[in-house]
Protein backbone atom coordinates (compact mmCIF):
# COMPACT_ATOMS: atom_id res chain seq x y z
CA UNK A 1 9.51 -8.86 25.18
CA UNK A 2 10.03 -7.02 21.90
CA UNK A 3 8.74 -3.44 22.20
CA UNK A 4 5.87 -2.53 19.90
CA UNK A 5 6.60 0.09 17.23
CA UNK A 6 6.05 3.72 18.14
CA UNK A 7 2.87 5.18 16.61
CA UNK A 8 5.07 7.69 14.80
CA UNK A 9 7.23 5.00 13.23
CA UNK A 10 6.60 4.86 9.47
CA UNK A 11 5.15 1.64 8.10
CA UNK A 12 7.38 -0.86 6.39
CA UNK A 13 7.80 -0.19 2.65
CA UNK A 14 6.23 -0.36 0.22
CA UNK A 15 3.60 2.10 1.41
CA UNK A 16 1.28 3.62 -1.18
CA UNK A 17 -0.31 6.84 -0.01
CA UNK A 18 -3.29 8.55 -1.66
CA UNK A 19 -1.11 11.63 -2.04
CA UNK A 20 1.70 9.60 -3.51
CA UNK A 21 -0.80 8.46 -6.15
CA UNK A 22 -1.60 12.10 -6.95
CA UNK A 23 1.93 13.47 -6.62
CA UNK A 24 2.54 13.75 -10.38
CA UNK A 25 -1.00 14.78 -11.32
CA UNK A 26 -1.73 18.49 -11.77
CA UNK A 27 -5.29 18.68 -10.52
CA UNK A 28 -7.67 21.25 -9.08
CA UNK A 29 -9.94 20.80 -6.09
CA UNK A 30 -12.95 23.07 -5.75
CA UNK A 31 -16.63 23.41 -4.99
CA UNK A 32 -19.34 24.02 -7.54
CA UNK A 33 -22.94 24.90 -6.68
CA UNK A 34 -25.19 22.36 -8.42
CA UNK A 35 -28.78 23.52 -7.90
CA UNK A 36 -27.74 24.92 -4.54
CA UNK A 37 -25.67 21.90 -3.46
CA UNK A 38 -22.03 22.79 -2.80
CA UNK A 39 -20.34 19.92 -4.62
CA UNK A 40 -16.67 19.08 -4.10
CA UNK A 41 -14.77 18.09 -7.19
CA UNK A 42 -11.34 17.15 -8.40
CA UNK A 43 -10.54 18.10 -11.99
CA UNK A 44 -7.67 17.31 -14.32
CA UNK A 45 -7.75 19.47 -17.43
CA UNK A 46 -7.09 18.07 -20.89
CA UNK A 47 -8.11 19.02 -24.41
CA UNK A 48 -10.92 16.60 -25.25
CA UNK A 49 -14.34 16.55 -26.88
CA UNK A 50 -15.88 14.65 -23.96
CA UNK A 51 -15.27 14.72 -20.22
CA UNK A 52 -14.94 11.85 -17.76
CA UNK A 53 -16.83 11.97 -14.44
CA UNK A 54 -15.98 9.49 -11.68
CA UNK A 55 -18.84 8.56 -9.33
CA UNK A 56 -18.14 6.83 -6.00
CA UNK A 57 -20.14 4.31 -3.96
CA UNK A 58 -22.25 4.46 -0.80
CA UNK A 59 -20.52 6.50 1.88
CA UNK A 60 -17.64 7.21 -0.49
CA UNK A 61 -15.75 10.24 -1.76
CA UNK A 62 -13.36 11.30 -4.51
CA UNK A 63 -10.26 9.83 -2.86
CA UNK A 64 -11.44 6.42 -4.07
CA UNK A 65 -10.29 7.52 -7.55
CA UNK A 66 -6.88 8.87 -6.54
CA UNK A 67 -5.23 6.06 -8.54
CA UNK A 68 -7.25 6.69 -11.70
CA UNK A 69 -7.91 10.36 -12.37
CA UNK A 70 -4.32 11.08 -13.40
CA UNK A 71 -4.22 8.31 -16.01
CA UNK A 72 -7.60 9.29 -17.44
CA UNK A 73 -6.59 12.94 -17.33
CA UNK A 74 -3.90 12.29 -19.93
CA UNK A 75 -6.64 11.73 -22.52
CA UNK A 76 -9.80 13.40 -21.19
CA UNK A 77 -10.77 16.33 -19.04
CA UNK A 78 -11.52 14.32 -15.92
CA UNK A 79 -13.63 15.01 -12.86
CA UNK A 80 -14.32 13.15 -9.64
CA UNK A 81 -17.17 14.47 -7.52
CA UNK A 82 -18.58 13.93 -4.05
CA UNK A 83 -22.26 13.19 -4.58
CA UNK A 84 -24.80 15.02 -2.44
CA UNK A 85 -24.71 13.69 1.12
CA UNK A 86 -21.18 12.35 0.64
CA UNK A 87 -17.59 13.43 1.18
CA UNK A 88 -17.24 17.17 1.65
CA UNK A 89 -20.26 18.08 -0.48
CA UNK A 90 -23.36 19.43 1.23
CA UNK A 91 -25.14 16.95 3.47
CA UNK A 92 -28.79 16.08 2.91
CA UNK A 93 -31.84 16.77 5.05
CA UNK A 94 -33.98 14.20 3.21
CA UNK A 95 -33.76 10.59 2.06
CA UNK A 96 -31.62 10.09 -1.03
CA UNK A 97 -32.87 7.71 -3.72
CA UNK A 98 -31.38 7.12 -7.16
CA UNK A 99 -33.36 9.89 -8.84
CA UNK A 100 -31.98 12.38 -6.29
CA UNK A 101 -28.44 11.48 -7.28
CA UNK A 102 -29.35 11.58 -10.99
CA UNK A 103 -30.78 15.08 -10.53
CA UNK A 104 -27.67 16.20 -8.64
CA UNK A 105 -25.42 14.86 -11.40
CA UNK A 106 -27.51 16.56 -14.08
CA UNK A 107 -27.22 19.94 -12.35
CA UNK A 108 -23.48 19.44 -11.87
CA UNK A 109 -22.98 18.66 -15.57
CA UNK A 110 -24.97 21.71 -16.63
CA UNK A 111 -23.27 24.05 -14.18
CA UNK A 112 -19.80 22.78 -15.12
CA UNK A 113 -20.55 23.38 -18.82
CA UNK A 114 -20.01 19.74 -19.79
CA UNK A 115 -21.50 18.84 -23.18
CA UNK A 116 -21.03 15.07 -23.11
CA UNK A 117 -19.52 12.83 -20.48
CA UNK A 118 -18.12 9.37 -19.98
CA UNK A 119 -19.44 8.21 -16.62
CA UNK A 120 -17.19 5.93 -14.58
CA UNK A 121 -19.16 4.67 -11.59
CA UNK A 122 -18.38 2.16 -8.86
CA UNK A 123 -21.15 0.48 -6.85
CA UNK A 124 -23.75 3.20 -6.11
CA UNK A 125 -21.97 5.36 -8.68
CA UNK A 126 -22.55 2.70 -11.35
CA UNK A 127 -26.21 2.49 -10.35
CA UNK A 128 -26.58 6.25 -10.74
CA UNK A 129 -24.64 6.27 -14.02
CA UNK A 130 -26.86 3.54 -15.49
CA UNK A 131 -30.07 5.35 -14.60
CA UNK A 132 -28.63 8.64 -15.85
CA UNK A 133 -27.53 7.14 -19.18
CA UNK A 134 -30.99 5.75 -19.88
CA UNK A 135 -32.67 9.02 -19.00
CA UNK A 136 -30.22 11.48 -20.61
CA UNK A 137 -28.60 9.61 -23.52
CA UNK A 138 -27.67 12.84 -25.30
CA UNK A 139 -25.30 13.72 -22.43
CA UNK A 140 -23.55 10.35 -22.12
CA UNK A 141 -20.77 9.36 -24.49
CA UNK A 142 -19.85 6.16 -22.66
CA UNK A 143 -20.11 4.15 -19.46
CA UNK A 144 -17.62 2.24 -17.36
CA UNK A 145 -19.55 0.42 -14.64
CA UNK A 146 -17.41 -1.03 -11.82
CA UNK A 147 -19.21 -3.69 -9.73
CA UNK A 148 -22.34 -1.53 -10.07
CA UNK A 149 -25.35 -1.78 -7.81
CA UNK A 150 -28.94 -1.55 -8.91
CA UNK A 151 -29.67 -4.89 -10.56
CA UNK A 152 -30.68 -6.95 -7.53
CA UNK A 153 -31.64 -6.86 -3.88
CA UNK A 154 -29.60 -9.10 -1.56
CA UNK A 155 -30.75 -8.69 2.03
CA UNK A 156 -27.54 -10.06 3.54
CA UNK A 157 -25.39 -7.61 1.57
CA UNK A 158 -27.72 -4.72 2.37
CA UNK A 159 -27.58 -5.59 6.06
CA UNK A 160 -23.77 -5.68 6.02
CA UNK A 161 -23.51 -2.29 4.31
CA UNK A 162 -26.08 -0.83 6.71
CA UNK A 163 -24.34 -2.18 9.82
CA UNK A 164 -20.74 -1.43 8.86
CA UNK A 165 -21.48 2.08 7.60
CA UNK A 166 -23.69 2.95 10.57
CA UNK A 167 -20.98 1.68 12.94
CA UNK A 168 -18.29 3.70 11.17
CA UNK A 169 -20.33 6.88 11.64
CA UNK A 170 -22.15 6.23 14.91
CA UNK A 171 -19.19 4.58 16.68
CA UNK A 172 -16.53 6.62 14.91
CA UNK A 173 -13.08 5.11 15.45
CA UNK A 174 -10.05 4.04 13.48
CA UNK A 175 -11.16 0.41 13.67
CA UNK A 176 -14.78 0.93 12.57
CA UNK A 177 -13.79 3.13 9.63
CA UNK A 178 -11.00 0.80 8.58
CA UNK A 179 -13.39 -2.17 8.75
CA UNK A 180 -15.80 -0.37 6.40
CA UNK A 181 -13.00 0.31 3.92
CA UNK A 182 -11.59 -3.22 4.14
CA UNK A 183 -14.99 -4.55 3.02
CA UNK A 184 -14.21 -3.00 -0.36
CA UNK A 185 -10.92 -4.76 -1.08
CA UNK A 186 -9.60 -8.31 -1.32
CA UNK A 187 -6.27 -7.41 0.29
CA UNK A 188 -6.67 -5.23 3.43
CA UNK A 189 -3.12 -3.96 2.97
CA UNK A 190 -4.42 -1.97 0.00
CA UNK A 191 -6.09 0.51 2.39
CA UNK A 192 -3.52 3.19 3.30
CA UNK A 193 -3.73 4.97 6.64
CA UNK A 194 -4.29 8.35 5.04
CA UNK A 195 -7.45 7.04 3.36
CA UNK A 196 -8.74 5.88 6.76
CA UNK A 197 -7.91 9.28 8.26
CA UNK A 198 -9.69 11.06 5.41
CA UNK A 199 -12.85 9.02 5.85
CA UNK A 200 -12.72 9.52 9.62
CA UNK A 201 -12.68 13.29 9.10
CA UNK A 202 -15.62 13.06 6.69
CA UNK A 203 -17.64 10.76 8.95
CA UNK A 204 -16.98 13.11 11.86
CA UNK A 205 -18.63 16.07 10.16
CA UNK A 206 -21.43 17.70 12.20
CA UNK A 207 -24.77 16.25 11.09
CA UNK A 208 -23.23 13.17 9.49
CA UNK A 209 -25.20 10.71 11.64
CA UNK A 210 -28.53 12.10 10.43
CA UNK A 211 -27.22 12.48 6.88
CA UNK A 212 -25.99 8.89 6.70
CA UNK A 213 -29.45 7.66 7.67
CA UNK A 214 -30.71 9.46 4.55
CA UNK A 215 -27.96 7.81 2.46
CA UNK A 216 -28.60 4.31 3.77
CA UNK A 217 -32.28 4.20 2.87
CA UNK A 218 -31.28 2.32 -0.29
CA UNK A 219 -30.28 -0.57 1.97
CA UNK A 220 -33.90 -0.91 3.15
CA UNK A 221 -35.70 -3.59 1.10
CA UNK A 222 -38.86 -1.58 0.39
CA UNK A 223 -36.87 1.48 -0.77
CA UNK A 224 -34.40 -0.54 -2.77
CA UNK A 225 -37.23 -2.38 -4.53
CA UNK A 226 -38.57 0.80 -6.12
CA UNK A 227 -35.07 1.85 -7.23
CA UNK A 228 -33.97 -1.43 -8.82
CA UNK A 229 -33.17 -1.17 -12.53
CA UNK A 230 -34.95 -3.69 -14.73
CA UNK A 231 -34.14 -5.06 -18.17
CA UNK A 232 -36.17 -2.33 -19.85
CA UNK A 233 -34.17 0.38 -18.05
CA UNK A 234 -30.82 -1.19 -18.92
CA UNK A 235 -32.07 -1.74 -22.46
CA UNK A 236 -32.51 2.00 -22.95
CA UNK A 237 -28.77 2.60 -22.52
CA UNK A 238 -27.34 3.54 -25.91
CA UNK A 239 -23.82 4.57 -24.89
CA UNK A 240 -20.93 2.14 -25.37
CA UNK A 241 -20.59 0.35 -22.03
CA UNK A 242 -17.89 -1.61 -20.24
CA UNK A 243 -18.94 -3.61 -17.15
CA UNK A 244 -16.06 -4.50 -14.82
CA UNK A 245 -16.57 -7.26 -12.26
CA UNK A 246 -14.17 -9.11 -9.96
CA UNK A 247 -13.51 -12.61 -8.67
CA UNK A 248 -14.11 -11.60 -5.04
CA UNK A 249 -16.81 -8.94 -5.14
CA UNK A 250 -18.66 -9.15 -1.79
CA UNK A 251 -21.93 -7.75 -3.15
CA UNK A 252 -22.69 -10.21 -5.97
CA UNK A 253 -21.12 -13.12 -7.88
CA UNK A 254 -19.64 -12.92 -11.35
CA UNK A 255 -22.85 -14.45 -12.72
CA UNK A 256 -24.82 -11.39 -11.60
CA UNK A 257 -22.33 -9.07 -13.26
CA UNK A 258 -22.63 -11.07 -16.47
CA UNK A 259 -26.44 -10.95 -16.25
CA UNK A 260 -26.38 -7.18 -15.76
CA UNK A 261 -24.03 -6.66 -18.69
CA UNK A 262 -26.26 -8.86 -20.86
CA UNK A 263 -29.16 -6.44 -20.38
CA UNK A 264 -27.17 -3.50 -21.82
CA UNK A 265 -27.07 -3.52 -25.63
CA UNK A 266 -23.55 -4.27 -26.88
CA UNK A 267 -21.90 -4.05 -23.46
CA UNK A 268 -18.46 -5.55 -22.95
CA UNK A 269 -17.84 -7.57 -19.78
CA UNK A 270 -14.54 -8.24 -18.03
CA UNK A 271 -13.58 -9.90 -14.75
CA UNK A 272 -10.49 -8.81 -12.80
CA UNK A 273 -8.72 -11.38 -10.64
CA UNK A 274 -7.52 -10.81 -7.06
CA UNK A 275 -9.89 -7.89 -6.45
CA UNK A 276 -13.09 -7.26 -4.50
CA UNK A 277 -15.49 -4.30 -4.79
CA UNK A 278 -12.89 -1.63 -5.63
CA UNK A 279 -10.76 -2.90 -8.53
CA UNK A 280 -10.03 0.67 -9.63
CA UNK A 281 -8.19 1.09 -6.31
CA UNK A 282 -6.80 -2.43 -5.78
CA UNK A 283 -5.54 -2.96 -9.32
CA UNK A 284 -5.33 0.55 -10.77
CA UNK A 285 -2.79 -0.21 -13.47
CA UNK A 286 -4.87 -3.10 -14.84
CA UNK A 287 -8.15 -1.22 -14.50
CA UNK A 288 -6.85 2.00 -16.08
CA UNK A 289 -5.34 0.13 -19.02
CA UNK A 290 -8.43 -1.90 -19.86
CA UNK A 291 -10.87 0.99 -19.36
CA UNK A 292 -8.82 3.43 -21.43
CA UNK A 293 -8.36 0.82 -24.16
CA UNK A 294 -12.12 0.30 -24.25
CA UNK A 295 -12.75 4.05 -24.46
CA UNK A 296 -10.19 4.52 -27.22
CA UNK A 297 -11.92 1.83 -29.27
CA UNK A 298 -15.53 2.65 -28.48
CA UNK A 299 -15.64 6.38 -27.79
CA UNK A 300 -12.84 8.15 -29.64
CA UNK A 301 -13.89 7.09 -33.19
CA UNK A 302 -17.47 8.07 -32.33
CA UNK A 303 -16.33 11.54 -31.22
CA UNK A 304 -14.26 11.97 -34.38
CA UNK A 305 -17.25 11.09 -36.56
CA UNK A 306 -19.47 13.50 -34.65
CA UNK A 307 -16.90 16.28 -35.20
CA UNK A 308 -16.75 15.56 -38.93
CA UNK A 309 -20.53 15.50 -39.27
């Protein structure tokens, strides 16, 4: 019988670690009090008229943007934040609906001294970004929505998210956490061990079981129904918008992404092959290139005109 590898034996190359992704990026990690909520952030400084803020999905955290913040930070002052109830930010003692996240983001922007921001949101983050952009258009210079939630209510998808996330927290183990992360990608090999270990540490925080129940209320049909964004809400978005979908997104087909994009005035729509719910992580080079190209065409000339005027 061939002996199994020792647990300390390094994986076969190539192995792409979260910290390898950040190894050449000079960034700062800190905590900022946003209306009393200690909010963890990553920041890459750059001289720019607008900032970029990355917003993660349900149960997520800033490490989901480890393969993006450096590339964006070459052109824009870039932030990734742990939303309230997520990551290493303060946990919540009450149910969190979309307006709660919008309010948290608003207080973060004001406290950080950000004048205008490009919001890059995946899943829940795209849902929050869309609502925020319609409500505070003066603060939003652009949107990049990555497989965003908020346009529909699919009970099967909601049940899967509820069950896998609850299992990852309530039955905390390497396997349950890895299963939750693998739901987000088309190729399970894209999930490095250090990302699993990071999420295990986060999900093991004291009070996380109660907190996650407050996070997962959006997976309950009656709660989700009152948070769904309709055509009128999307129609109020004035910022240049790029909607990124994928061939293998587990939450909705390409047709739903196209329908969502069609409700946002002037939005561009693109589909990435060989990806699931996290194209920014699975195909970072492709995602970074197309998103930054969009921003250079849609945002930078606008900023220059504003400066002249």
